Amino acid sequence: MSRTVDDLYEGFRIFVFVLPQGDDQWSATSEVERDGAEGVETFQKFGGPCPGRTAEEARLAVLADTRHKIDNVLAEPC
């Protein structure tokens, strides 16, 4: 399965997964990747789950959540 980058933010590639939840509701989650000193670092289940009435609403919500979490990671590096 190939993945398509949904957004680039602060050096992170964001991948969004949107699934129907029934009752005309949707849920989105995300993974992020960045290039590190030892190769590609992948952070699974990074953002979400974020609900929405449409797939696009859920996608936009998880992108906002993911960007916020990336900002937190960059503010407090290990």
C-alpha atoms as a PDB file:
ATOM      1  CA  MET A   1       0.000   0.000   0.000  1.00  0.00           C
ATOM      2  CA  SER A   2       1.431   3.352  -0.982  1.00  0.00           C
ATOM      3  CA  ARG A   3       0.865   6.446   1.095  1.00  0.00           C
ATOM      4  CA  THR A   4       0.462  10.020  -0.020  1.00  0.00           C
ATOM      5  CA  VAL A   5       1.733  12.911   2.048  1.00  0.00           C
ATOM      6  CA  ASP A   6      -1.238  15.079   3.080  1.00  0.00           C
ATOM      7  CA  ASP A   7       0.851  17.942   4.442  1.00  0.00           C
ATOM      8  CA  LEU A   8       4.410  19.035   5.201  1.00  0.00           C
ATOM      9  CA  TYR A   9       4.859  20.912   8.461  1.00  0.00           C
ATOM     10  CA  GLU A  10       8.101  21.928  10.185  1.00  0.00           C
ATOM     11  CA  GLY A  11      10.035  19.136   8.427  1.00  0.00           C
ATOM     12  CA  PHE A  12       7.417  16.456   9.220  1.00  0.00           C
ATOM     13  CA  ARG A  13       5.489  14.588   6.550  1.00  0.00           C
ATOM     14  CA  ILE A  14       1.889  14.088   7.687  1.00  0.00           C
ATOM     15  CA  PHE A  15      -0.192  11.131   6.508  1.00  0.00           C
ATOM     16  CA  VAL A  16      -3.928  11.168   7.260  1.00  0.00           C
ATOM     17  CA  PHE A  17      -6.239   8.159   7.473  1.00  0.00           C
ATOM     18  CA  VAL A  18     -10.003   8.838   7.299  1.00  0.00           C
ATOM     19  CA  LEU A  19     -12.599   6.135   7.967  1.00  0.00           C
ATOM     20  CA  PRO A  20     -16.400   6.128   8.022  1.00  0.00           C
ATOM     21  CA  GLN A  21     -17.901   5.505  11.455  1.00  0.00           C
ATOM     22  CA  GLY A  22     -21.564   4.973  10.539  1.00  0.00           C
ATOM     23  CA  ASP A  23     -24.461   7.372  11.078  1.00  0.00           C
ATOM     24  CA  ASP A  24     -22.832   9.694   8.499  1.00  0.00           C
ATOM     25  CA  GLN A  25     -19.862  10.315  10.807  1.00  0.00           C
ATOM     26  CA  TRP A  26     -16.147  10.100   9.994  1.00  0.00           C
ATOM     27  CA  SER A  27     -12.971   9.690  12.038  1.00  0.00           C
ATOM     28  CA  ALA A  28      -9.410  10.648  11.111  1.00  0.00           C
ATOM     29  CA  THR A  29      -6.009   9.779  12.548  1.00  0.00           C
ATOM     30  CA  SER A  30      -2.494  10.609  11.418  1.00  0.00           C
ATOM     31  CA  GLU A  31       1.063   9.375  11.296  1.00  0.00           C
ATOM     32  CA  VAL A  32       4.102  11.584  10.836  1.00  0.00           C
ATOM     33  CA  GLU A  33       7.593  10.999   9.498  1.00  0.00           C
ATOM     34  CA  ARG A  34      10.752  13.047   9.470  1.00  0.00           C
ATOM     35  CA  ASP A  35      14.284  12.442   8.364  1.00  0.00           C
ATOM     36  CA  GLY A  36      16.545  11.851  11.357  1.00  0.00           C
ATOM     37  CA  ALA A  37      20.224  11.164  11.891  1.00  0.00           C
ATOM     38  CA  GLU A  38      19.607   7.408  11.691  1.00  0.00           C
ATOM     39  CA  GLY A  39      17.117   7.454   8.810  1.00  0.00           C
ATOM     40  CA  VAL A  40      13.382   8.025   8.681  1.00  0.00           C
ATOM     41  CA  GLU A  41      11.621   8.388  12.037  1.00  0.00           C
ATOM     42  CA  THR A  42       7.958   7.349  11.998  1.00  0.00           C
ATOM     43  CA  PHE A  43       5.462   8.269  14.697  1.00  0.00           C
ATOM     44  CA  GLN A  44       2.340   6.112  14.389  1.00  0.00           C
ATOM     45  CA  LYS A  45      -1.065   7.086  15.800  1.00  0.00           C
ATOM     46  CA  PHE A  46       0.295  10.594  16.286  1.00  0.00           C
ATOM     47  CA  GLY A  47      -2.846  12.686  15.794  1.00  0.00           C
ATOM     48  CA  GLY A  48      -6.500  12.020  16.520  1.00  0.00           C
ATOM     49  CA  PRO A  49      -8.793  10.340  16.417  1.00  0.00           C
ATOM     50  CA  CYS A  50     -10.779  13.365  15.311  1.00  0.00           C
ATOM     51  CA  PRO A  51     -14.458  13.052  14.423  1.00  0.00           C
ATOM     52  CA  GLY A  52     -16.291  14.923  11.694  1.00  0.00           C
ATOM     53  CA  ARG A  53     -19.622  15.053   9.934  1.00  0.00           C
ATOM     54  CA  THR A  54     -17.760  14.730   6.626  1.00  0.00           C
ATOM     55  CA  ALA A  55     -14.484  13.108   5.637  1.00  0.00           C
ATOM     56  CA  GLU A  56     -13.016  16.548   4.893  1.00  0.00           C
ATOM     57  CA  GLU A  57     -14.063  17.932   8.290  1.00  0.00           C
ATOM     58  CA  ALA A  58     -12.381  15.003  10.055  1.00  0.00           C
ATOM     59  CA  ARG A  59      -9.269  15.366   7.869  1.00  0.00           C
ATOM     60  CA  LEU A  60      -8.938  19.085   8.625  1.00  0.00           C
ATOM     61  CA  ALA A  61      -9.444  18.468  12.353  1.00  0.00           C
ATOM     62  CA  VAL A  62      -6.706  15.835  12.525  1.00  0.00           C
ATOM     63  CA  LEU A  63      -4.323  18.053  10.534  1.00  0.00           C
ATOM     64  CA  ALA A  64      -4.834  20.856  13.079  1.00  0.00           C
ATOM     65  CA  ASP A  65      -4.363  18.388  15.960  1.00  0.00           C
ATOM     66  CA  THR A  66      -1.204  16.980  14.369  1.00  0.00           C
ATOM     67  CA  ARG A  67       0.334  20.416  13.746  1.00  0.00           C
ATOM     68  CA  HIS A  68      -0.334  21.338  17.382  1.00  0.00           C
ATOM     69  CA  LYS A  69       1.368  18.136  18.591  1.00  0.00           C
ATOM     70  CA  ILE A  70       4.354  18.765  16.301  1.00  0.00           C
ATOM     71  CA  ASP A  71       4.674  22.260  17.796  1.00  0.00           C
ATOM     72  CA  ASN A  72       4.735  20.645  21.258  1.00  0.00           C
ATOM     73  CA  VAL A  73       7.444  18.168  20.209  1.00  0.00           C
ATOM     74  CA  LEU A  74       9.590  20.984  18.790  1.00  0.00           C
ATOM     75  CA  ALA A  75       9.065  23.132  21.900  1.00  0.00           C
ATOM     76  CA  GLU A  76      10.283  20.344  24.202  1.00  0.00           C
ATOM     77  CA  PRO A  77      12.931  18.319  22.349  1.00  0.00           C
ATOM     78  CA  CYS A  78      14.345  15.289  24.123  1.00  0.00           C
END
